[in-house]
Amino acid sequence: MKKRGWNIQWAASSHPRNLLVLNDDELRTISDSGCSRILIGAESGNNEELNYINKNMTTEDVLNVAKRLGNVGIHGSFTVIVGYPGFPENNIAKTLEFGRRISSISPLHEVKAHIYAPYPKTPLYQDAIRYGFVAPKTLEDWANYDYYEAQTPWLKLEVTQQIRDFNLTYCPYVL
């Protein structure tokens, strides 16, 4: 794109480990080519949860990527998920604090929080059922399922407001 003189902005998504293998010159080349945003599933601020979902990364990997992207002027658009089945409630606060850490690395970065949603045929679905989740019965019921609201029995309803408040601060334009 640089050789052709194209002056366009583009975005991508990436696993953090795929970005960590790039050297600083390669990251700068990506930025110089017009890449203005990379979407990254940070998923959790807890390494135990990252292992549980087989993410094949650590929280340190995510923080390193956030720093490196900020250094080359690429906006990191990070997502985190709270409320995995079987994990203590205080992991929610840890993940939100992790999101704040990511955001503080560069003013370019945003972090969006979601509440875990147990969808059929996904790897964690049976765990959610074991922890008391009762799935919607109809397609219409599923259409009304909102992963910004606490709808699993192991989460308190206050989590919904906590996530809304977090997103208003760290990713306000998406709500």
N, C-alpha and C. Protein backbone atom coordinates (compact mmCIF):
# COMPACT_ATOMS: atom_id res chain seq x y z
N MET A 1 0.83 -1.19 0.00
CA MET A 1 0.00 0.00 0.00
C MET A 1 0.87 1.25 0.00
N LYS A 2 1.98 1.20 0.73
CA LYS A 2 2.87 2.36 0.75
C LYS A 2 3.49 2.57 -0.63
N LYS A 3 3.92 1.48 -1.29
CA LYS A 3 4.54 1.59 -2.61
C LYS A 3 3.58 2.17 -3.64
N ARG A 4 2.30 1.86 -3.51
CA ARG A 4 1.30 2.36 -4.45
C ARG A 4 0.82 3.76 -4.08
N GLY A 5 1.23 4.24 -2.93
CA GLY A 5 0.84 5.58 -2.52
C GLY A 5 -0.59 5.68 -2.02
N TRP A 6 -1.16 4.56 -1.65
CA TRP A 6 -2.53 4.58 -1.14
C TRP A 6 -2.55 5.21 0.24
N ASN A 7 -3.39 6.16 0.41
CA ASN A 7 -3.53 6.85 1.69
C ASN A 7 -4.88 6.47 2.30
N ILE A 8 -4.95 5.25 2.83
CA ILE A 8 -6.19 4.78 3.41
C ILE A 8 -5.96 4.36 4.86
N GLN A 9 -7.03 4.37 5.61
CA GLN A 9 -7.00 3.84 6.97
C GLN A 9 -7.63 2.45 6.93
N TRP A 10 -7.05 1.53 7.68
CA TRP A 10 -7.61 0.19 7.75
C TRP A 10 -7.45 -0.36 9.15
N ALA A 11 -8.19 -1.41 9.45
CA ALA A 11 -8.17 -2.03 10.77
C ALA A 11 -8.07 -3.53 10.61
N ALA A 12 -7.69 -4.18 11.70
CA ALA A 12 -7.54 -5.64 11.69
C ALA A 12 -7.85 -6.17 13.08
N SER A 13 -7.88 -7.47 13.18
CA SER A 13 -7.96 -8.11 14.49
C SER A 13 -6.80 -9.08 14.59
N SER A 14 -6.36 -9.33 15.83
CA SER A 14 -5.21 -10.20 16.01
C SER A 14 -5.19 -10.80 17.40
N HIS A 15 -4.66 -11.99 17.49
CA HIS A 15 -4.33 -12.59 18.78
C HIS A 15 -3.06 -11.88 19.27
N PRO A 16 -2.97 -11.57 20.55
CA PRO A 16 -1.78 -10.87 21.05
C PRO A 16 -0.46 -11.54 20.69
N ARG A 17 -0.42 -12.84 20.74
CA ARG A 17 0.85 -13.52 20.46
C ARG A 17 1.30 -13.33 19.01
N ASN A 18 0.35 -13.14 18.10
CA ASN A 18 0.73 -12.88 16.71
C ASN A 18 1.39 -11.52 16.55
N LEU A 19 1.04 -10.59 17.42
CA LEU A 19 1.68 -9.27 17.37
C LEU A 19 3.02 -9.27 18.10
N LEU A 20 3.14 -10.09 19.13
CA LEU A 20 4.39 -10.13 19.90
C LEU A 20 5.57 -10.66 19.09
N VAL A 21 5.32 -11.44 18.06
CA VAL A 21 6.42 -11.98 17.25
C VAL A 21 6.97 -10.94 16.28
N LEU A 22 6.26 -9.83 16.11
CA LEU A 22 6.74 -8.77 15.21
C LEU A 22 7.74 -7.89 15.93
N ASN A 23 8.77 -7.46 15.21
CA ASN A 23 9.71 -6.51 15.81
C ASN A 23 9.16 -5.09 15.66
N ASP A 24 9.82 -4.13 16.29
CA ASP A 24 9.32 -2.75 16.27
C ASP A 24 9.24 -2.18 14.86
N ASP A 25 10.21 -2.50 13.99
CA ASP A 25 10.17 -2.01 12.62
C ASP A 25 8.96 -2.57 11.87
N GLU A 26 8.64 -3.83 12.09
CA GLU A 26 7.48 -4.42 11.43
C GLU A 26 6.18 -3.77 11.92
N LEU A 27 6.09 -3.51 13.22
CA LEU A 27 4.91 -2.82 13.74
C LEU A 27 4.79 -1.40 13.18
N ARG A 28 5.93 -0.70 13.06
CA ARG A 28 5.90 0.64 12.48
C ARG A 28 5.46 0.59 11.01
N THR A 29 5.91 -0.42 10.27
CA THR A 29 5.50 -0.57 8.87
C THR A 29 3.99 -0.78 8.78
N ILE A 30 3.44 -1.58 9.68
CA ILE A 30 2.00 -1.79 9.70
C ILE A 30 1.29 -0.46 9.97
N SER A 31 1.79 0.28 10.93
CA SER A 31 1.19 1.59 11.25
C SER A 31 1.32 2.54 10.07
N ASP A 32 2.51 2.61 9.48
CA ASP A 32 2.75 3.51 8.35
C ASP A 32 1.89 3.17 7.13
N SER A 33 1.47 1.91 7.03
CA SER A 33 0.65 1.50 5.88
C SER A 33 -0.80 1.95 6.02
N GLY A 34 -1.15 2.53 7.18
CA GLY A 34 -2.50 3.02 7.38
C GLY A 34 -3.31 2.26 8.42
N CYS A 35 -2.71 1.25 9.03
CA CYS A 35 -3.44 0.52 10.07
C CYS A 35 -3.62 1.46 11.26
N SER A 36 -4.85 1.76 11.56
CA SER A 36 -5.12 2.69 12.65
C SER A 36 -5.69 2.00 13.88
N ARG A 37 -6.18 0.76 13.72
CA ARG A 37 -6.82 0.08 14.86
C ARG A 37 -6.63 -1.43 14.71
N ILE A 38 -6.36 -2.06 15.86
CA ILE A 38 -6.33 -3.52 15.90
C ILE A 38 -7.21 -3.98 17.06
N LEU A 39 -8.15 -4.85 16.74
CA LEU A 39 -9.06 -5.43 17.73
C LEU A 39 -8.38 -6.64 18.36
N ILE A 40 -8.37 -6.66 19.69
CA ILE A 40 -7.69 -7.72 20.42
C ILE A 40 -8.59 -8.26 21.52
N GLY A 41 -8.82 -9.55 21.51
CA GLY A 41 -9.58 -10.20 22.57
C GLY A 41 -8.69 -10.46 23.77
N ALA A 42 -8.66 -9.52 24.70
CA ALA A 42 -7.86 -9.69 25.92
C ALA A 42 -8.52 -10.71 26.84
N GLU A 43 -9.83 -10.80 26.79
CA GLU A 43 -10.68 -11.78 27.44
C GLU A 43 -10.75 -11.72 28.96
N SER A 44 -9.63 -11.63 29.67
CA SER A 44 -9.68 -11.67 31.13
C SER A 44 -8.42 -11.06 31.72
N GLY A 45 -8.56 -10.55 32.92
CA GLY A 45 -7.41 -10.04 33.67
C GLY A 45 -6.86 -11.08 34.63
N ASN A 46 -7.24 -12.32 34.42
CA ASN A 46 -6.83 -13.42 35.29
C ASN A 46 -6.24 -14.54 34.45
N ASN A 47 -5.00 -14.90 34.71
CA ASN A 47 -4.36 -15.96 33.93
C ASN A 47 -5.08 -17.29 34.08
N GLU A 48 -5.69 -17.55 35.24
CA GLU A 48 -6.41 -18.81 35.42
C GLU A 48 -7.59 -18.89 34.44
N GLU A 49 -8.29 -17.79 34.27
CA GLU A 49 -9.40 -17.78 33.32
C GLU A 49 -8.89 -17.90 31.89
N LEU A 50 -7.78 -17.25 31.59
CA LEU A 50 -7.21 -17.37 30.24
C LEU A 50 -6.85 -18.82 29.94
N ASN A 51 -6.32 -19.52 30.92
CA ASN A 51 -6.03 -20.95 30.74
C ASN A 51 -7.32 -21.75 30.56
N TYR A 52 -8.33 -21.42 31.34
CA TYR A 52 -9.63 -22.11 31.28
C TYR A 52 -10.25 -22.02 29.89
N ILE A 53 -10.12 -20.86 29.25
CA ILE A 53 -10.72 -20.69 27.91
C ILE A 53 -9.73 -21.02 26.79
N ASN A 54 -8.57 -21.57 27.17
CA ASN A 54 -7.55 -21.99 26.18
C ASN A 54 -7.10 -20.85 25.27
N LYS A 55 -6.87 -19.68 25.87
CA LYS A 55 -6.50 -18.51 25.08
C LYS A 55 -5.05 -18.53 24.63
N ASN A 56 -4.21 -19.33 25.29
CA ASN A 56 -2.80 -19.46 24.90
C ASN A 56 -2.06 -18.13 24.94
N MET A 57 -2.27 -17.41 26.05
CA MET A 57 -1.58 -16.15 26.29
C MET A 57 -1.69 -15.82 27.77
N THR A 58 -0.99 -14.77 28.18
CA THR A 58 -1.06 -14.30 29.56
C THR A 58 -1.49 -12.83 29.58
N THR A 59 -1.81 -12.37 30.77
CA THR A 59 -2.13 -10.95 30.90
C THR A 59 -0.92 -10.10 30.56
N GLU A 60 0.27 -10.58 30.87
CA GLU A 60 1.49 -9.83 30.51
C GLU A 60 1.63 -9.69 29.00
N ASP A 61 1.26 -10.72 28.26
CA ASP A 61 1.28 -10.63 26.79
C ASP A 61 0.42 -9.46 26.31
N VAL A 62 -0.77 -9.35 26.88
CA VAL A 62 -1.70 -8.29 26.48
C VAL A 62 -1.13 -6.91 26.83
N LEU A 63 -0.58 -6.79 28.03
CA LEU A 63 0.00 -5.50 28.43
C LEU A 63 1.18 -5.12 27.54
N ASN A 64 1.99 -6.09 27.16
CA ASN A 64 3.11 -5.82 26.25
C ASN A 64 2.61 -5.37 24.88
N VAL A 65 1.57 -6.01 24.37
CA VAL A 65 1.00 -5.61 23.08
C VAL A 65 0.45 -4.19 23.18
N ALA A 66 -0.25 -3.89 24.26
CA ALA A 66 -0.82 -2.54 24.42
C ALA A 66 0.29 -1.49 24.40
N LYS A 67 1.37 -1.77 25.08
CA LYS A 67 2.50 -0.82 25.11
C LYS A 67 3.10 -0.66 23.71
N ARG A 68 3.34 -1.76 23.04
CA ARG A 68 3.98 -1.71 21.72
C ARG A 68 3.08 -1.03 20.68
N LEU A 69 1.77 -1.31 20.73
CA LEU A 69 0.87 -0.64 19.79
C LEU A 69 0.82 0.86 20.05
N GLY A 70 0.75 1.23 21.32
CA GLY A 70 0.75 2.65 21.67
C GLY A 70 2.00 3.35 21.19
N ASN A 71 3.15 2.67 21.28
CA ASN A 71 4.43 3.25 20.86
C ASN A 71 4.48 3.55 19.37
N VAL A 72 3.73 2.77 18.56
CA VAL A 72 3.77 3.01 17.10
C VAL A 72 2.51 3.72 16.62
N GLY A 73 1.65 4.14 17.53
CA GLY A 73 0.49 4.94 17.16
C GLY A 73 -0.70 4.15 16.64
N ILE A 74 -0.78 2.88 16.99
CA ILE A 74 -1.94 2.08 16.59
C ILE A 74 -2.90 2.00 17.76
N HIS A 75 -4.15 2.30 17.46
CA HIS A 75 -5.22 2.25 18.45
C HIS A 75 -5.54 0.79 18.75
N GLY A 76 -5.40 0.39 20.02
CA GLY A 76 -5.78 -0.96 20.43
C GLY A 76 -7.22 -0.94 20.92
N SER A 77 -8.04 -1.76 20.30
CA SER A 77 -9.44 -1.90 20.72
C SER A 77 -9.56 -3.27 21.39
N PHE A 78 -9.50 -3.27 22.73
CA PHE A 78 -9.44 -4.50 23.51
C PHE A 78 -10.83 -4.85 24.05
N THR A 79 -11.11 -6.15 24.10
CA THR A 79 -12.34 -6.61 24.74
C THR A 79 -12.00 -7.55 25.88
N VAL A 80 -12.78 -7.46 26.95
CA VAL A 80 -12.66 -8.38 28.07
C VAL A 80 -14.03 -8.96 28.38
N ILE A 81 -14.03 -10.11 29.02
CA ILE A 81 -15.27 -10.79 29.39
C ILE A 81 -15.21 -11.10 30.88
N VAL A 82 -16.30 -10.84 31.58
CA VAL A 82 -16.38 -11.16 33.00
C VAL A 82 -17.48 -12.19 33.24
N GLY A 83 -17.35 -12.93 34.33
CA GLY A 83 -18.40 -13.85 34.73
C GLY A 83 -18.31 -15.25 34.17
N TYR A 84 -17.09 -15.74 33.95
CA TYR A 84 -16.95 -17.12 33.51
C TYR A 84 -17.48 -18.06 34.59
N PRO A 85 -18.10 -19.18 34.20
CA PRO A 85 -18.68 -20.09 35.20
C PRO A 85 -17.60 -20.73 36.08
N GLY A 86 -17.89 -20.76 37.38
CA GLY A 86 -17.01 -21.44 38.32
C GLY A 86 -15.89 -20.62 38.90
N PHE A 87 -15.80 -19.35 38.52
CA PHE A 87 -14.73 -18.50 39.03
C PHE A 87 -15.27 -17.55 40.08
N PRO A 88 -14.43 -17.16 41.03
CA PRO A 88 -14.91 -16.28 42.11
C PRO A 88 -15.33 -14.91 41.60
N GLU A 89 -16.27 -14.33 42.31
CA GLU A 89 -16.81 -13.03 41.92
C GLU A 89 -15.74 -11.94 41.88
N ASN A 90 -14.72 -12.05 42.74
CA ASN A 90 -13.69 -11.00 42.75
C ASN A 90 -12.85 -11.00 41.47
N ASN A 91 -12.97 -12.03 40.64
CA ASN A 91 -12.28 -12.00 39.35
C ASN A 91 -12.84 -10.92 38.44
N ILE A 92 -14.10 -10.56 38.65
CA ILE A 92 -14.70 -9.48 37.85
C ILE A 92 -13.95 -8.18 38.09
N ALA A 93 -13.73 -7.85 39.35
CA ALA A 93 -12.99 -6.63 39.69
C ALA A 93 -11.57 -6.68 39.15
N LYS A 94 -10.94 -7.85 39.20
CA LYS A 94 -9.58 -8.00 38.67
C LYS A 94 -9.55 -7.75 37.16
N THR A 95 -10.54 -8.27 36.45
CA THR A 95 -10.57 -8.07 35.00
C THR A 95 -10.84 -6.62 34.65
N LEU A 96 -11.74 -5.98 35.38
CA LEU A 96 -12.00 -4.56 35.10
C LEU A 96 -10.78 -3.70 35.44
N GLU A 97 -10.07 -4.04 36.49
CA GLU A 97 -8.83 -3.31 36.81
C GLU A 97 -7.80 -3.54 35.72
N PHE A 98 -7.73 -4.75 35.20
CA PHE A 98 -6.84 -5.06 34.08
C PHE A 98 -7.20 -4.18 32.88
N GLY A 99 -8.49 -4.03 32.61
CA GLY A 99 -8.93 -3.15 31.52
C GLY A 99 -8.48 -1.71 31.74
N ARG A 100 -8.55 -1.26 32.99
CA ARG A 100 -8.08 0.10 33.30
C ARG A 100 -6.58 0.22 33.06
N ARG A 101 -5.83 -0.82 33.39
CA ARG A 101 -4.38 -0.81 33.15
C ARG A 101 -4.08 -0.71 31.66
N ILE A 102 -4.79 -1.49 30.86
CA ILE A 102 -4.61 -1.43 29.40
C ILE A 102 -4.87 -0.01 28.91
N SER A 103 -5.97 0.55 29.34
CA SER A 103 -6.36 1.89 28.91
C SER A 103 -5.34 2.95 29.31
N SER A 104 -4.73 2.76 30.47
CA SER A 104 -3.77 3.76 30.96
C SER A 104 -2.44 3.73 30.22
N ILE A 105 -2.19 2.67 29.46
CA ILE A 105 -0.92 2.54 28.74
C ILE A 105 -0.82 3.56 27.61
N SER A 106 -1.95 3.82 26.95
CA SER A 106 -1.94 4.78 25.84
C SER A 106 -3.33 5.42 25.72
N PRO A 107 -3.38 6.71 25.47
CA PRO A 107 -4.68 7.36 25.26
C PRO A 107 -5.37 6.86 23.98
N LEU A 108 -4.65 6.15 23.15
CA LEU A 108 -5.23 5.60 21.93
C LEU A 108 -6.12 4.39 22.21
N HIS A 109 -5.91 3.73 23.33
CA HIS A 109 -6.57 2.45 23.58
C HIS A 109 -7.96 2.60 24.20
N GLU A 110 -8.82 1.65 23.84
CA GLU A 110 -10.14 1.53 24.44
C GLU A 110 -10.30 0.09 24.92
N VAL A 111 -11.15 -0.08 25.91
CA VAL A 111 -11.43 -1.42 26.43
C VAL A 111 -12.94 -1.55 26.60
N LYS A 112 -13.50 -2.58 26.02
CA LYS A 112 -14.93 -2.85 26.11
C LYS A 112 -15.13 -4.13 26.91
N ALA A 113 -16.01 -4.09 27.91
CA ALA A 113 -16.30 -5.25 28.73
C ALA A 113 -17.63 -5.88 28.35
N HIS A 114 -17.66 -7.19 28.34
CA HIS A 114 -18.86 -7.97 28.08
C HIS A 114 -19.06 -8.93 29.25
N ILE A 115 -20.27 -9.41 29.40
CA ILE A 115 -20.58 -10.44 30.38
C ILE A 115 -20.64 -11.78 29.65
N TYR A 116 -19.99 -12.78 30.22
CA TYR A 116 -19.97 -14.10 29.60
C TYR A 116 -21.38 -14.57 29.26
N ALA A 117 -21.55 -15.05 28.03
CA ALA A 117 -22.83 -15.58 27.55
C ALA A 117 -22.63 -17.04 27.14
N PRO A 118 -23.34 -17.95 27.78
CA PRO A 118 -23.20 -19.38 27.46
C PRO A 118 -24.06 -19.79 26.27
N TYR A 119 -23.47 -19.82 25.10
CA TYR A 119 -24.21 -20.20 23.89
C TYR A 119 -24.06 -21.70 23.62
N PRO A 120 -25.12 -22.35 23.16
CA PRO A 120 -25.06 -23.78 22.86
C PRO A 120 -23.93 -24.12 21.88
N LYS A 121 -23.36 -25.28 22.10
CA LYS A 121 -22.30 -25.82 21.24
C LYS A 121 -20.96 -25.12 21.41
N THR A 122 -20.85 -24.16 22.33
CA THR A 122 -19.56 -23.53 22.59
C THR A 122 -18.83 -24.34 23.66
N PRO A 123 -17.52 -24.23 23.74
CA PRO A 123 -16.76 -25.07 24.67
C PRO A 123 -17.16 -24.96 26.15
N LEU A 124 -17.63 -23.82 26.61
CA LEU A 124 -17.95 -23.65 28.03
C LEU A 124 -19.42 -23.87 28.35
N TYR A 125 -20.22 -24.16 27.35
CA TYR A 125 -21.66 -24.25 27.55
C TYR A 125 -22.05 -25.29 28.60
N GLN A 126 -21.48 -26.47 28.53
CA GLN A 126 -21.83 -27.51 29.51
C GLN A 126 -21.40 -27.13 30.92
N ASP A 127 -20.28 -26.41 31.05
CA ASP A 127 -19.89 -25.90 32.37
C ASP A 127 -20.95 -24.94 32.90
N ALA A 128 -21.46 -24.08 32.05
CA ALA A 128 -22.49 -23.13 32.46
C ALA A 128 -23.74 -23.88 32.93
N ILE A 129 -24.12 -24.91 32.22
CA ILE A 129 -25.28 -25.71 32.62
C ILE A 129 -25.03 -26.34 33.99
N ARG A 130 -23.83 -26.87 34.21
CA ARG A 130 -23.49 -27.47 35.51
C ARG A 130 -23.56 -26.46 36.65
N TYR A 131 -23.30 -25.20 36.35
CA TYR A 131 -23.36 -24.14 37.37
C TYR A 131 -24.74 -23.50 37.47
N GLY A 132 -25.72 -24.09 36.81
CA GLY A 132 -27.10 -23.66 37.02
C GLY A 132 -27.72 -22.81 35.93
N PHE A 133 -27.01 -22.57 34.83
CA PHE A 133 -27.60 -21.78 33.75
C PHE A 133 -28.76 -22.52 33.12
N VAL A 134 -29.86 -21.82 32.92
CA VAL A 134 -31.01 -22.36 32.22
C VAL A 134 -31.12 -21.61 30.90
N ALA A 135 -30.95 -22.33 29.83
CA ALA A 135 -30.91 -21.70 28.51
C ALA A 135 -32.29 -21.22 28.08
N PRO A 136 -32.34 -20.14 27.31
CA PRO A 136 -33.61 -19.72 26.70
C PRO A 136 -34.19 -20.89 25.89
N LYS A 137 -35.49 -20.97 25.83
CA LYS A 137 -36.15 -22.11 25.19
C LYS A 137 -36.43 -21.92 23.71
N THR A 138 -36.58 -20.68 23.28
CA THR A 138 -36.95 -20.45 21.88
C THR A 138 -35.92 -19.55 21.20
N LEU A 139 -35.98 -19.53 19.90
CA LEU A 139 -35.10 -18.65 19.13
C LEU A 139 -35.38 -17.19 19.48
N GLU A 140 -36.64 -16.86 19.68
CA GLU A 140 -37.00 -15.49 20.07
C GLU A 140 -36.39 -15.14 21.44
N ASP A 141 -36.43 -16.09 22.38
CA ASP A 141 -35.81 -15.85 23.69
C ASP A 141 -34.30 -15.61 23.53
N TRP A 142 -33.65 -16.40 22.65
CA TRP A 142 -32.23 -16.19 22.41
C TRP A 142 -31.97 -14.83 21.77
N ALA A 143 -32.87 -14.40 20.91
CA ALA A 143 -32.71 -13.10 20.25
C ALA A 143 -32.72 -11.97 21.26
N ASN A 144 -33.37 -12.18 22.38
CA ASN A 144 -33.44 -11.16 23.43
C ASN A 144 -32.34 -11.30 24.48
N TYR A 145 -31.49 -12.30 24.33
CA TYR A 145 -30.40 -12.50 25.29
C TYR A 145 -29.37 -11.38 25.08
N ASP A 146 -28.99 -10.71 26.12
CA ASP A 146 -28.09 -9.55 26.03
C ASP A 146 -26.84 -9.79 26.88
N TYR A 147 -25.69 -9.86 26.22
CA TYR A 147 -24.46 -10.13 26.98
C TYR A 147 -23.89 -8.89 27.67
N TYR A 148 -24.70 -7.85 27.77
CA TYR A 148 -24.35 -6.72 28.62
C TYR A 148 -25.16 -6.74 29.91
N GLU A 149 -25.94 -7.80 30.10
CA GLU A 149 -26.74 -7.95 31.32
C GLU A 149 -26.40 -9.27 31.99
N ALA A 150 -26.34 -9.26 33.32
CA ALA A 150 -26.07 -10.48 34.08
C ALA A 150 -27.30 -11.39 33.99
N GLN A 151 -27.15 -12.52 33.31
CA GLN A 151 -28.26 -13.44 33.12
C GLN A 151 -27.91 -14.87 33.51
N THR A 152 -26.80 -15.03 34.19
CA THR A 152 -26.42 -16.36 34.67
C THR A 152 -26.58 -16.38 36.18
N PRO A 153 -26.91 -17.54 36.76
CA PRO A 153 -27.23 -17.59 38.19
C PRO A 153 -26.05 -17.31 39.12
N TRP A 154 -24.85 -17.37 38.63
CA TRP A 154 -23.69 -17.13 39.50
C TRP A 154 -23.28 -15.66 39.56
N LEU A 155 -23.97 -14.80 38.82
CA LEU A 155 -23.65 -13.38 38.84
C LEU A 155 -24.77 -12.58 39.51
N LYS A 156 -24.38 -11.59 40.27
CA LYS A 156 -25.35 -10.67 40.87
C LYS A 156 -25.80 -9.67 39.80
N LEU A 157 -27.03 -9.22 39.90
CA LEU A 157 -27.57 -8.27 38.93
C LEU A 157 -26.77 -6.97 38.89
N GLU A 158 -26.12 -6.61 40.00
CA GLU A 158 -25.34 -5.37 40.04
C GLU A 158 -24.19 -5.36 39.03
N VAL A 159 -23.80 -6.54 38.56
CA VAL A 159 -22.71 -6.63 37.58
C VAL A 159 -23.10 -5.88 36.30
N THR A 160 -24.38 -5.90 35.96
CA THR A 160 -24.84 -5.21 34.76
C THR A 160 -24.49 -3.72 34.83
N GLN A 161 -24.79 -3.07 35.93
CA GLN A 161 -24.48 -1.65 36.07
C GLN A 161 -22.97 -1.41 36.12
N GLN A 162 -22.27 -2.31 36.77
CA GLN A 162 -20.81 -2.21 36.85
C GLN A 162 -20.19 -2.23 35.44
N ILE A 163 -20.69 -3.10 34.59
CA ILE A 163 -20.19 -3.20 33.21
C ILE A 163 -20.58 -1.95 32.42
N ARG A 164 -21.81 -1.48 32.59
CA ARG A 164 -22.23 -0.25 31.90
C ARG A 164 -21.35 0.93 32.29
N ASP A 165 -21.09 1.08 33.59
CA ASP A 165 -20.25 2.18 34.07
C ASP A 165 -18.84 2.08 33.49
N PHE A 166 -18.29 0.87 33.50
CA PHE A 166 -16.96 0.65 32.94
C PHE A 166 -16.93 1.04 31.47
N ASN A 167 -17.90 0.57 30.70
CA ASN A 167 -17.92 0.85 29.26
C ASN A 167 -18.14 2.33 28.95
N LEU A 168 -18.90 3.01 29.76
CA LEU A 168 -19.07 4.45 29.57
C LEU A 168 -17.75 5.20 29.73
N THR A 169 -16.91 4.69 30.61
CA THR A 169 -15.62 5.34 30.85
C THR A 169 -14.55 4.93 29.84
N TYR A 170 -14.47 3.65 29.53
CA TYR A 170 -13.34 3.13 28.75
C TYR A 170 -13.66 2.82 27.29
N CYS A 171 -14.92 2.94 26.91
CA CYS A 171 -15.32 2.72 25.52
C CYS A 171 -16.66 3.39 25.27
N PRO A 172 -16.77 4.70 25.53
CA PRO A 172 -18.07 5.37 25.59
C PRO A 172 -18.83 5.48 24.28
N TYR A 173 -18.16 5.54 23.17
CA TYR A 173 -18.86 5.82 21.92
C TYR A 173 -19.53 4.60 21.33
N VAL A 174 -19.30 3.42 21.88
CA VAL A 174 -19.84 2.20 21.30
C VAL A 174 -21.20 1.85 21.88
N LEU A 175 -21.55 2.40 23.05
CA LEU A 175 -22.80 2.01 23.71
C LEU A 175 -24.04 2.45 22.98
